[in-house]
């Protein structure tokens, strides 16, 4: 199937649904990633902290490299300029690529306050040809404003937690205004009842699709790029098919209305990245 795309202010083109690789490690991870690409995924999301850049790189080495967009992330413990550059190089070596298509700061780590220094290192890594595009994860508008103010360079991507219980309207609007592509981690939630909500079930029945496809289509309609992970081929195909599902404005509003103040995944709070 042909997957629609979105484009950032800097010309980065991403498919509207990517593939998350968290916890896909070793030989089984390689097989799962290869299968996902065979099922139509072109955007592969990994991170230094996932400890599976090797598996992602191995899978990519067995595939046609040209259409693939490989993304990785800089951990919060390596925000000092030189450490950040070394970490980018290590990611590159493990992935076995000539260049990483997209590299993100995993979170701003505000306690150390070095994310601007890390951003400057990513800019330098891009200038050296180690990275093709740069972005961030879990950044608030205030963090993004500071990057613009102190470096003159805005990220092309901001990857954030986003799902029906945590719709992220303000950050989505900010990113859209500045031409930043918003990626969604944990787009289907985890350890909650999102997919069993009757509001989502009614929409699924009306379109003859699954609840997961409703949620992913809702994210795409709002301008986000969800990164679902799926180990089975059938689920991979199902998730990617959501890229072509069209929801009405009323259906989009009904899912957005599920948002709640305690909607974040508590065990995935960005503060946990501090230990990394």
C-alpha atoms as a PDB file:
ATOM      1  CA  UNK A   1       0.000   0.000   0.000  1.00  0.00           C
ATOM      2  CA  UNK A   2       1.044   3.587  -0.593  1.00  0.00           C
ATOM      3  CA  UNK A   3       1.484   5.392   2.743  1.00  0.00           C
ATOM      4  CA  UNK A   4       0.871   9.171   2.781  1.00  0.00           C
ATOM      5  CA  UNK A   5       3.706  11.418   3.917  1.00  0.00           C
ATOM      6  CA  UNK A   6       4.256  14.668   5.804  1.00  0.00           C
ATOM      7  CA  UNK A   7       7.081  17.182   5.415  1.00  0.00           C
ATOM      8  CA  UNK A   8       8.914  19.289   8.002  1.00  0.00           C
ATOM      9  CA  UNK A   9      10.068  22.897   7.727  1.00  0.00           C
ATOM     10  CA  UNK A  10      13.480  21.617   6.646  1.00  0.00           C
ATOM     11  CA  UNK A  11      12.214  19.252   3.980  1.00  0.00           C
ATOM     12  CA  UNK A  12      12.317  15.997   5.971  1.00  0.00           C
ATOM     13  CA  UNK A  13       9.665  13.660   4.561  1.00  0.00           C
ATOM     14  CA  UNK A  14       8.184  10.981   6.848  1.00  0.00           C
ATOM     15  CA  UNK A  15       5.437   8.427   6.330  1.00  0.00           C
ATOM     16  CA  UNK A  16       2.396   9.177   8.494  1.00  0.00           C
ATOM     17  CA  UNK A  17       2.917   5.931  10.437  1.00  0.00           C
ATOM     18  CA  UNK A  18       6.303   4.538  11.482  1.00  0.00           C
ATOM     19  CA  UNK A  19       7.495   1.422  13.276  1.00  0.00           C
ATOM     20  CA  UNK A  20       8.658   1.380  16.896  1.00  0.00           C
ATOM     21  CA  UNK A  21      11.423  -1.085  17.750  1.00  0.00           C
ATOM     22  CA  UNK A  22      11.627  -0.797  21.559  1.00  0.00           C
ATOM     23  CA  UNK A  23      12.373  -4.258  23.052  1.00  0.00           C
ATOM     24  CA  UNK A  24      12.997  -5.785  19.624  1.00  0.00           C
ATOM     25  CA  UNK A  25      16.451  -7.193  20.303  1.00  0.00           C
ATOM     26  CA  UNK A  26      18.713  -9.910  18.960  1.00  0.00           C
ATOM     27  CA  UNK A  27      17.952 -12.285  16.116  1.00  0.00           C
ATOM     28  CA  UNK A  28      14.217 -12.293  16.797  1.00  0.00           C
ATOM     29  CA  UNK A  29      14.241  -8.499  16.700  1.00  0.00           C
ATOM     30  CA  UNK A  30      16.035  -8.546  13.352  1.00  0.00           C
ATOM     31  CA  UNK A  31      13.396 -10.906  11.948  1.00  0.00           C
ATOM     32  CA  UNK A  32      10.536  -8.752  13.247  1.00  0.00           C
ATOM     33  CA  UNK A  33      12.017  -5.566  11.802  1.00  0.00           C
ATOM     34  CA  UNK A  34      12.647  -7.204   8.434  1.00  0.00           C
ATOM     35  CA  UNK A  35       9.058  -8.435   8.393  1.00  0.00           C
ATOM     36  CA  UNK A  36       7.773  -4.961   9.228  1.00  0.00           C
ATOM     37  CA  UNK A  37       9.684  -3.446   6.321  1.00  0.00           C
ATOM     38  CA  UNK A  38       8.346  -6.191   4.072  1.00  0.00           C
ATOM     39  CA  UNK A  39       4.857  -5.197   5.197  1.00  0.00           C
ATOM     40  CA  UNK A  40       5.381  -1.598   4.091  1.00  0.00           C
ATOM     41  CA  UNK A  41       7.075   0.311   6.930  1.00  0.00           C
ATOM     42  CA  UNK A  42       9.891   2.663   5.969  1.00  0.00           C
ATOM     43  CA  UNK A  43      10.423   4.657   9.197  1.00  0.00           C
ATOM     44  CA  UNK A  44      12.266   2.662  11.892  1.00  0.00           C
ATOM     45  CA  UNK A  45      12.549   4.218  15.354  1.00  0.00           C
ATOM     46  CA  UNK A  46      15.280   3.097  17.746  1.00  0.00           C
ATOM     47  CA  UNK A  47      17.454   4.715  20.443  1.00  0.00           C
ATOM     48  CA  UNK A  48      20.833   4.383  22.129  1.00  0.00           C
ATOM     49  CA  UNK A  49      18.954   3.447  25.310  1.00  0.00           C
ATOM     50  CA  UNK A  50      16.947   0.680  23.619  1.00  0.00           C
ATOM     51  CA  UNK A  51      20.177  -1.291  23.216  1.00  0.00           C
ATOM     52  CA  UNK A  52      18.993  -2.607  19.860  1.00  0.00           C
ATOM     53  CA  UNK A  53      20.680  -0.340  17.335  1.00  0.00           C
ATOM     54  CA  UNK A  54      22.680  -3.398  16.303  1.00  0.00           C
ATOM     55  CA  UNK A  55      19.520  -5.376  15.555  1.00  0.00           C
ATOM     56  CA  UNK A  56      18.036  -2.495  13.585  1.00  0.00           C
ATOM     57  CA  UNK A  57      21.270  -2.069  11.634  1.00  0.00           C
ATOM     58  CA  UNK A  58      21.494  -5.796  10.931  1.00  0.00           C
ATOM     59  CA  UNK A  59      17.945  -5.814   9.584  1.00  0.00           C
ATOM     60  CA  UNK A  60      18.606  -2.764   7.417  1.00  0.00           C
ATOM     61  CA  UNK A  61      21.761  -4.380   6.010  1.00  0.00           C
ATOM     62  CA  UNK A  62      19.608  -7.217   4.676  1.00  0.00           C
ATOM     63  CA  UNK A  63      17.119  -4.878   3.006  1.00  0.00           C
ATOM     64  CA  UNK A  64      16.996  -2.183   0.351  1.00  0.00           C
ATOM     65  CA  UNK A  65      18.459   0.790   2.224  1.00  0.00           C
ATOM     66  CA  UNK A  66      17.213   3.490  -0.128  1.00  0.00           C
ATOM     67  CA  UNK A  67      13.572   3.895   1.027  1.00  0.00           C
ATOM     68  CA  UNK A  68      14.292   3.440   4.741  1.00  0.00           C
ATOM     69  CA  UNK A  69      14.423   6.228   7.319  1.00  0.00           C
ATOM     70  CA  UNK A  70      16.386   5.094  10.363  1.00  0.00           C
ATOM     71  CA  UNK A  71      15.981   7.179  13.509  1.00  0.00           C
ATOM     72  CA  UNK A  72      17.880   6.970  16.806  1.00  0.00           C
ATOM     73  CA  UNK A  73      18.218   9.042  19.980  1.00  0.00           C
ATOM     74  CA  UNK A  74      20.801  10.634  22.243  1.00  0.00           C
ATOM     75  CA  UNK A  75      20.379   9.703  25.949  1.00  0.00           C
ATOM     76  CA  UNK A  76      20.070  12.358  28.632  1.00  0.00           C
ATOM     77  CA  UNK A  77      23.294  11.345  30.340  1.00  0.00           C
ATOM     78  CA  UNK A  78      25.371  12.310  27.295  1.00  0.00           C
ATOM     79  CA  UNK A  79      24.353  15.929  26.723  1.00  0.00           C
ATOM     80  CA  UNK A  80      27.849  17.398  27.107  1.00  0.00           C
ATOM     81  CA  UNK A  81      29.056  18.452  23.663  1.00  0.00           C
ATOM     82  CA  UNK A  82      31.912  15.984  23.186  1.00  0.00           C
ATOM     83  CA  UNK A  83      30.005  13.124  24.806  1.00  0.00           C
ATOM     84  CA  UNK A  84      27.080  13.800  22.504  1.00  0.00           C
ATOM     85  CA  UNK A  85      29.310  13.601  19.421  1.00  0.00           C
ATOM     86  CA  UNK A  86      30.898  10.364  20.607  1.00  0.00           C
ATOM     87  CA  UNK A  87      27.452   8.925  21.242  1.00  0.00           C
ATOM     88  CA  UNK A  88      26.280   9.826  17.743  1.00  0.00           C
ATOM     89  CA  UNK A  89      29.365   8.123  16.334  1.00  0.00           C
ATOM     90  CA  UNK A  90      28.731   5.017  18.457  1.00  0.00           C
ATOM     91  CA  UNK A  91      25.131   4.893  17.253  1.00  0.00           C
ATOM     92  CA  UNK A  92      26.372   5.170  13.687  1.00  0.00           C
ATOM     93  CA  UNK A  93      28.891   2.347  14.152  1.00  0.00           C
ATOM     94  CA  UNK A  94      26.333   0.021  15.745  1.00  0.00           C
ATOM     95  CA  UNK A  95      23.771   0.732  13.046  1.00  0.00           C
ATOM     96  CA  UNK A  96      26.423   0.175  10.377  1.00  0.00           C
ATOM     97  CA  UNK A  97      25.179   3.065   8.271  1.00  0.00           C
ATOM     98  CA  UNK A  98      26.964   5.775   6.304  1.00  0.00           C
ATOM     99  CA  UNK A  99      24.653   8.295   7.977  1.00  0.00           C
ATOM    100  CA  UNK A 100      21.686   8.208  10.356  1.00  0.00           C
ATOM    101  CA  UNK A 101      18.602   9.634   8.686  1.00  0.00           C
ATOM    102  CA  UNK A 102      17.169  11.218  11.838  1.00  0.00           C
ATOM    103  CA  UNK A 103      18.721  11.664  15.282  1.00  0.00           C
ATOM    104  CA  UNK A 104      16.818  12.996  18.286  1.00  0.00           C
ATOM    105  CA  UNK A 105      17.648  14.227  21.782  1.00  0.00           C
ATOM    106  CA  UNK A 106      15.771  11.684  23.914  1.00  0.00           C
ATOM    107  CA  UNK A 107      14.583  14.272  26.447  1.00  0.00           C
ATOM    108  CA  UNK A 108      15.666  17.739  27.622  1.00  0.00           C
ATOM    109  CA  UNK A 109      16.971  16.542  31.026  1.00  0.00           C
ATOM    110  CA  UNK A 110      16.262  19.982  32.536  1.00  0.00           C
ATOM    111  CA  UNK A 111      18.020  19.218  35.825  1.00  0.00           C
ATOM    112  CA  UNK A 112      21.411  19.281  34.094  1.00  0.00           C
ATOM    113  CA  UNK A 113      20.340  22.019  31.689  1.00  0.00           C
ATOM    114  CA  UNK A 114      22.692  20.936  28.904  1.00  0.00           C
ATOM    115  CA  UNK A 115      20.187  20.255  26.148  1.00  0.00           C
ATOM    116  CA  UNK A 116      21.266  23.322  24.154  1.00  0.00           C
ATOM    117  CA  UNK A 117      24.848  22.038  24.270  1.00  0.00           C
ATOM    118  CA  UNK A 118      23.599  18.659  23.069  1.00  0.00           C
ATOM    119  CA  UNK A 119      21.627  20.355  20.306  1.00  0.00           C
ATOM    120  CA  UNK A 120      24.709  22.215  19.130  1.00  0.00           C
ATOM    121  CA  UNK A 121      26.524  18.868  18.972  1.00  0.00           C
ATOM    122  CA  UNK A 122      23.745  17.420  16.810  1.00  0.00           C
ATOM    123  CA  UNK A 123      23.960  20.440  14.511  1.00  0.00           C
ATOM    124  CA  UNK A 124      27.699  19.806  14.182  1.00  0.00           C
ATOM    125  CA  UNK A 125      27.129  16.087  13.568  1.00  0.00           C
ATOM    126  CA  UNK A 126      24.710  16.985  10.782  1.00  0.00           C
ATOM    127  CA  UNK A 127      27.253  19.359   9.255  1.00  0.00           C
ATOM    128  CA  UNK A 128      29.818  16.529   9.342  1.00  0.00           C
ATOM    129  CA  UNK A 129      27.423  14.263   7.468  1.00  0.00           C
ATOM    130  CA  UNK A 130      26.899  11.823  10.347  1.00  0.00           C
ATOM    131  CA  UNK A 131      23.201  12.728  10.538  1.00  0.00           C
ATOM    132  CA  UNK A 132      20.813  13.863   7.828  1.00  0.00           C
ATOM    133  CA  UNK A 133      18.098  15.442  10.011  1.00  0.00           C
ATOM    134  CA  UNK A 134      17.884  16.318  13.702  1.00  0.00           C
ATOM    135  CA  UNK A 135      15.098  16.576  16.230  1.00  0.00           C
ATOM    136  CA  UNK A 136      14.073  16.081  19.835  1.00  0.00           C
ATOM    137  CA  UNK A 137      11.799  14.043  22.092  1.00  0.00           C
ATOM    138  CA  UNK A 138       9.623  15.129  24.998  1.00  0.00           C
ATOM    139  CA  UNK A 139      10.415  18.834  24.523  1.00  0.00           C
ATOM    140  CA  UNK A 140       7.933  21.458  25.640  1.00  0.00           C
ATOM    141  CA  UNK A 141       7.421  24.711  23.725  1.00  0.00           C
ATOM    142  CA  UNK A 142       9.637  26.527  26.223  1.00  0.00           C
ATOM    143  CA  UNK A 143      12.514  24.142  25.424  1.00  0.00           C
ATOM    144  CA  UNK A 144      11.974  24.551  21.698  1.00  0.00           C
ATOM    145  CA  UNK A 145      11.882  28.327  22.011  1.00  0.00           C
ATOM    146  CA  UNK A 146      15.248  28.237  23.767  1.00  0.00           C
ATOM    147  CA  UNK A 147      16.799  26.128  20.993  1.00  0.00           C
ATOM    148  CA  UNK A 148      15.609  28.663  18.434  1.00  0.00           C
ATOM    149  CA  UNK A 149      16.764  31.606  20.508  1.00  0.00           C
ATOM    150  CA  UNK A 150      20.260  30.283  21.267  1.00  0.00           C
ATOM    151  CA  UNK A 151      21.114  28.363  18.076  1.00  0.00           C
ATOM    152  CA  UNK A 152      18.765  29.662  15.387  1.00  0.00           C
ATOM    153  CA  UNK A 153      17.938  26.047  14.464  1.00  0.00           C
ATOM    154  CA  UNK A 154      14.575  24.435  15.141  1.00  0.00           C
ATOM    155  CA  UNK A 155      14.119  20.647  15.284  1.00  0.00           C
ATOM    156  CA  UNK A 156      12.447  18.936  12.368  1.00  0.00           C
ATOM    157  CA  UNK A 157      10.787  16.403  14.702  1.00  0.00           C
ATOM    158  CA  UNK A 158       9.474  16.430  18.262  1.00  0.00           C
ATOM    159  CA  UNK A 159       8.593  12.929  19.474  1.00  0.00           C
ATOM    160  CA  UNK A 160       6.183  13.004  22.413  1.00  0.00           C
ATOM    161  CA  UNK A 161       3.830  10.764  24.367  1.00  0.00           C
ATOM    162  CA  UNK A 162       0.500  11.056  22.593  1.00  0.00           C
ATOM    163  CA  UNK A 163      -2.637   8.909  22.783  1.00  0.00           C
ATOM    164  CA  UNK A 164      -6.368   9.487  23.474  1.00  0.00           C
ATOM    165  CA  UNK A 165      -5.847   9.904  27.224  1.00  0.00           C
ATOM    166  CA  UNK A 166      -3.049  12.434  26.573  1.00  0.00           C
ATOM    167  CA  UNK A 167      -3.986  14.338  23.376  1.00  0.00           C
ATOM    168  CA  UNK A 168      -1.213  16.985  23.632  1.00  0.00           C
ATOM    169  CA  UNK A 169      -3.214  19.690  21.859  1.00  0.00           C
ATOM    170  CA  UNK A 170      -0.907  22.558  22.848  1.00  0.00           C
ATOM    171  CA  UNK A 171       2.324  20.875  21.772  1.00  0.00           C
ATOM    172  CA  UNK A 172       0.740  19.670  18.536  1.00  0.00           C
ATOM    173  CA  UNK A 173      -0.368  23.200  17.745  1.00  0.00           C
ATOM    174  CA  UNK A 174       3.069  24.642  18.530  1.00  0.00           C
ATOM    175  CA  UNK A 175       4.842  22.045  16.405  1.00  0.00           C
ATOM    176  CA  UNK A 176       2.445  22.578  13.511  1.00  0.00           C
ATOM    177  CA  UNK A 177       2.926  26.348  13.645  1.00  0.00           C
ATOM    178  CA  UNK A 178       6.706  25.945  13.434  1.00  0.00           C
ATOM    179  CA  UNK A 179       6.784  23.224  10.794  1.00  0.00           C
ATOM    180  CA  UNK A 180       7.958  20.590  13.277  1.00  0.00           C
ATOM    181  CA  UNK A 181       6.699  17.042  12.697  1.00  0.00           C
ATOM    182  CA  UNK A 182       5.190  15.509  15.831  1.00  0.00           C
ATOM    183  CA  UNK A 183       5.880  11.805  16.351  1.00  0.00           C
ATOM    184  CA  UNK A 184       3.827   9.871  18.922  1.00  0.00           C
ATOM    185  CA  UNK A 185       5.401   7.288  21.210  1.00  0.00           C
ATOM    186  CA  UNK A 186       3.111   4.764  22.930  1.00  0.00           C
ATOM    187  CA  UNK A 187       0.372   5.840  20.486  1.00  0.00           C
ATOM    188  CA  UNK A 188      -1.996   3.086  21.635  1.00  0.00           C
ATOM    189  CA  UNK A 189      -1.338   3.638  25.315  1.00  0.00           C
ATOM    190  CA  UNK A 190      -0.103   0.839  27.534  1.00  0.00           C
ATOM    191  CA  UNK A 191      -1.490  -0.679  30.688  1.00  0.00           C
ATOM    192  CA  UNK A 192      -4.773   1.180  30.268  1.00  0.00           C
ATOM    193  CA  UNK A 193      -8.205   0.599  28.746  1.00  0.00           C
ATOM    194  CA  UNK A 194      -8.000   2.912  25.742  1.00  0.00           C
ATOM    195  CA  UNK A 195      -8.759   0.242  23.167  1.00  0.00           C
ATOM    196  CA  UNK A 196     -11.774  -1.033  25.093  1.00  0.00           C
ATOM    197  CA  UNK A 197     -13.460   2.360  25.404  1.00  0.00           C
ATOM    198  CA  UNK A 198     -17.011   2.256  23.968  1.00  0.00           C
ATOM    199  CA  UNK A 199     -16.491   5.586  22.194  1.00  0.00           C
ATOM    200  CA  UNK A 200     -13.664   4.046  20.190  1.00  0.00           C
ATOM    201  CA  UNK A 201     -15.545   0.785  19.709  1.00  0.00           C
ATOM    202  CA  UNK A 202     -18.483   2.609  18.144  1.00  0.00           C
ATOM    203  CA  UNK A 203     -16.211   4.324  15.627  1.00  0.00           C
ATOM    204  CA  UNK A 204     -14.486   1.026  14.852  1.00  0.00           C
ATOM    205  CA  UNK A 205     -17.824  -0.646  14.179  1.00  0.00           C
ATOM    206  CA  UNK A 206     -18.964   2.201  11.944  1.00  0.00           C
ATOM    207  CA  UNK A 207     -15.836   1.912   9.772  1.00  0.00           C
ATOM    208  CA  UNK A 208     -15.462  -1.873  10.091  1.00  0.00           C
ATOM    209  CA  UNK A 209     -11.951  -1.483  11.484  1.00  0.00           C
ATOM    210  CA  UNK A 210     -10.246  -2.325  14.781  1.00  0.00           C
ATOM    211  CA  UNK A 211     -10.047  -0.030  17.833  1.00  0.00           C
ATOM    212  CA  UNK A 212      -6.281   0.229  17.313  1.00  0.00           C
ATOM    213  CA  UNK A 213      -6.847   1.462  13.770  1.00  0.00           C
ATOM    214  CA  UNK A 214      -9.272   4.084  15.079  1.00  0.00           C
ATOM    215  CA  UNK A 215      -6.662   5.441  17.484  1.00  0.00           C
ATOM    216  CA  UNK A 216      -3.878   5.484  14.896  1.00  0.00           C
ATOM    217  CA  UNK A 217      -6.159   7.130  12.313  1.00  0.00           C
ATOM    218  CA  UNK A 218      -7.097   9.739  14.938  1.00  0.00           C
ATOM    219  CA  UNK A 219      -3.426  10.553  15.500  1.00  0.00           C
ATOM    220  CA  UNK A 220      -2.731  10.812  11.778  1.00  0.00           C
ATOM    221  CA  UNK A 221      -5.770  13.069  11.317  1.00  0.00           C
ATOM    222  CA  UNK A 222      -4.444  15.398  14.028  1.00  0.00           C
ATOM    223  CA  UNK A 223      -1.081  15.681  12.268  1.00  0.00           C
ATOM    224  CA  UNK A 224       0.968  13.268  14.368  1.00  0.00           C
ATOM    225  CA  UNK A 225       3.132  10.369  13.168  1.00  0.00           C
ATOM    226  CA  UNK A 226       2.400   7.395  15.456  1.00  0.00           C
ATOM    227  CA  UNK A 227       5.123   4.790  16.019  1.00  0.00           C
ATOM    228  CA  UNK A 228       3.303   1.590  16.992  1.00  0.00           C
ATOM    229  CA  UNK A 229       5.280  -1.557  17.716  1.00  0.00           C
ATOM    230  CA  UNK A 230       3.913  -4.926  16.618  1.00  0.00           C
ATOM    231  CA  UNK A 231       5.610  -8.306  16.606  1.00  0.00           C
ATOM    232  CA  UNK A 232       3.114 -10.221  14.477  1.00  0.00           C
ATOM    233  CA  UNK A 233       2.793  -9.646  10.723  1.00  0.00           C
ATOM    234  CA  UNK A 234      -0.997  -9.377  10.918  1.00  0.00           C
ATOM    235  CA  UNK A 235      -0.826  -6.608  13.513  1.00  0.00           C
ATOM    236  CA  UNK A 236       1.882  -4.794  11.569  1.00  0.00           C
ATOM    237  CA  UNK A 237      -0.327  -4.802   8.469  1.00  0.00           C
ATOM    238  CA  UNK A 238      -3.383  -3.763  10.492  1.00  0.00           C
ATOM    239  CA  UNK A 239      -1.590  -0.818  12.081  1.00  0.00           C
ATOM    240  CA  UNK A 240      -0.162   0.494   8.830  1.00  0.00           C
ATOM    241  CA  UNK A 241      -3.560   0.243   7.103  1.00  0.00           C
ATOM    242  CA  UNK A 242      -4.815   2.908   9.524  1.00  0.00           C
ATOM    243  CA  UNK A 243      -2.854   5.436   7.441  1.00  0.00           C
ATOM    244  CA  UNK A 244      -5.659   5.457   4.870  1.00  0.00           C
ATOM    245  CA  UNK A 245      -8.625   5.537   7.276  1.00  0.00           C
ATOM    246  CA  UNK A 246     -10.589   8.803   7.197  1.00  0.00           C
ATOM    247  CA  UNK A 247     -12.465   9.832  10.331  1.00  0.00           C
ATOM    248  CA  UNK A 248     -15.072  12.567  10.472  1.00  0.00           C
ATOM    249  CA  UNK A 249     -14.492  15.736  12.480  1.00  0.00           C
ATOM    250  CA  UNK A 250     -17.056  14.511  14.987  1.00  0.00           C
ATOM    251  CA  UNK A 251     -15.257  11.192  15.409  1.00  0.00           C
ATOM    252  CA  UNK A 252     -11.925  12.952  15.866  1.00  0.00           C
ATOM    253  CA  UNK A 253     -13.458  15.216  18.507  1.00  0.00           C
ATOM    254  CA  UNK A 254     -15.023  12.222  20.296  1.00  0.00           C
ATOM    255  CA  UNK A 255     -11.643  10.523  20.671  1.00  0.00           C
ATOM    256  CA  UNK A 256      -9.914  13.760  21.696  1.00  0.00           C
ATOM    257  CA  UNK A 257     -12.571  14.229  24.386  1.00  0.00           C
ATOM    258  CA  UNK A 258     -11.213  11.120  26.145  1.00  0.00           C
ATOM    259  CA  UNK A 259      -8.205  13.148  27.278  1.00  0.00           C
ATOM    260  CA  UNK A 260      -7.816  13.505  31.027  1.00  0.00           C
ATOM    261  CA  UNK A 261      -5.438  15.213  33.472  1.00  0.00           C
ATOM    262  CA  UNK A 262      -3.934  11.921  34.657  1.00  0.00           C
ATOM    263  CA  UNK A 263      -3.678  10.501  31.162  1.00  0.00           C
ATOM    264  CA  UNK A 264       0.091  10.173  30.990  1.00  0.00           C
ATOM    265  CA  UNK A 265       1.691   6.755  31.289  1.00  0.00           C
ATOM    266  CA  UNK A 266       3.046   7.119  34.791  1.00  0.00           C
ATOM    267  CA  UNK A 267       5.893   4.621  34.372  1.00  0.00           C
ATOM    268  CA  UNK A 268       6.960   6.405  31.193  1.00  0.00           C
ATOM    269  CA  UNK A 269       7.297   9.888  32.677  1.00  0.00           C
ATOM    270  CA  UNK A 270      10.272  11.627  31.028  1.00  0.00           C
ATOM    271  CA  UNK A 271      11.840  11.948  34.484  1.00  0.00           C
ATOM    272  CA  UNK A 272      12.848   8.271  34.250  1.00  0.00           C
ATOM    273  CA  UNK A 273      15.279   9.228  31.492  1.00  0.00           C
ATOM    274  CA  UNK A 274      17.384  11.023  34.060  1.00  0.00           C
ATOM    275  CA  UNK A 275      18.995   7.752  35.101  1.00  0.00           C
ATOM    276  CA  UNK A 276      20.172   7.247  31.536  1.00  0.00           C
END
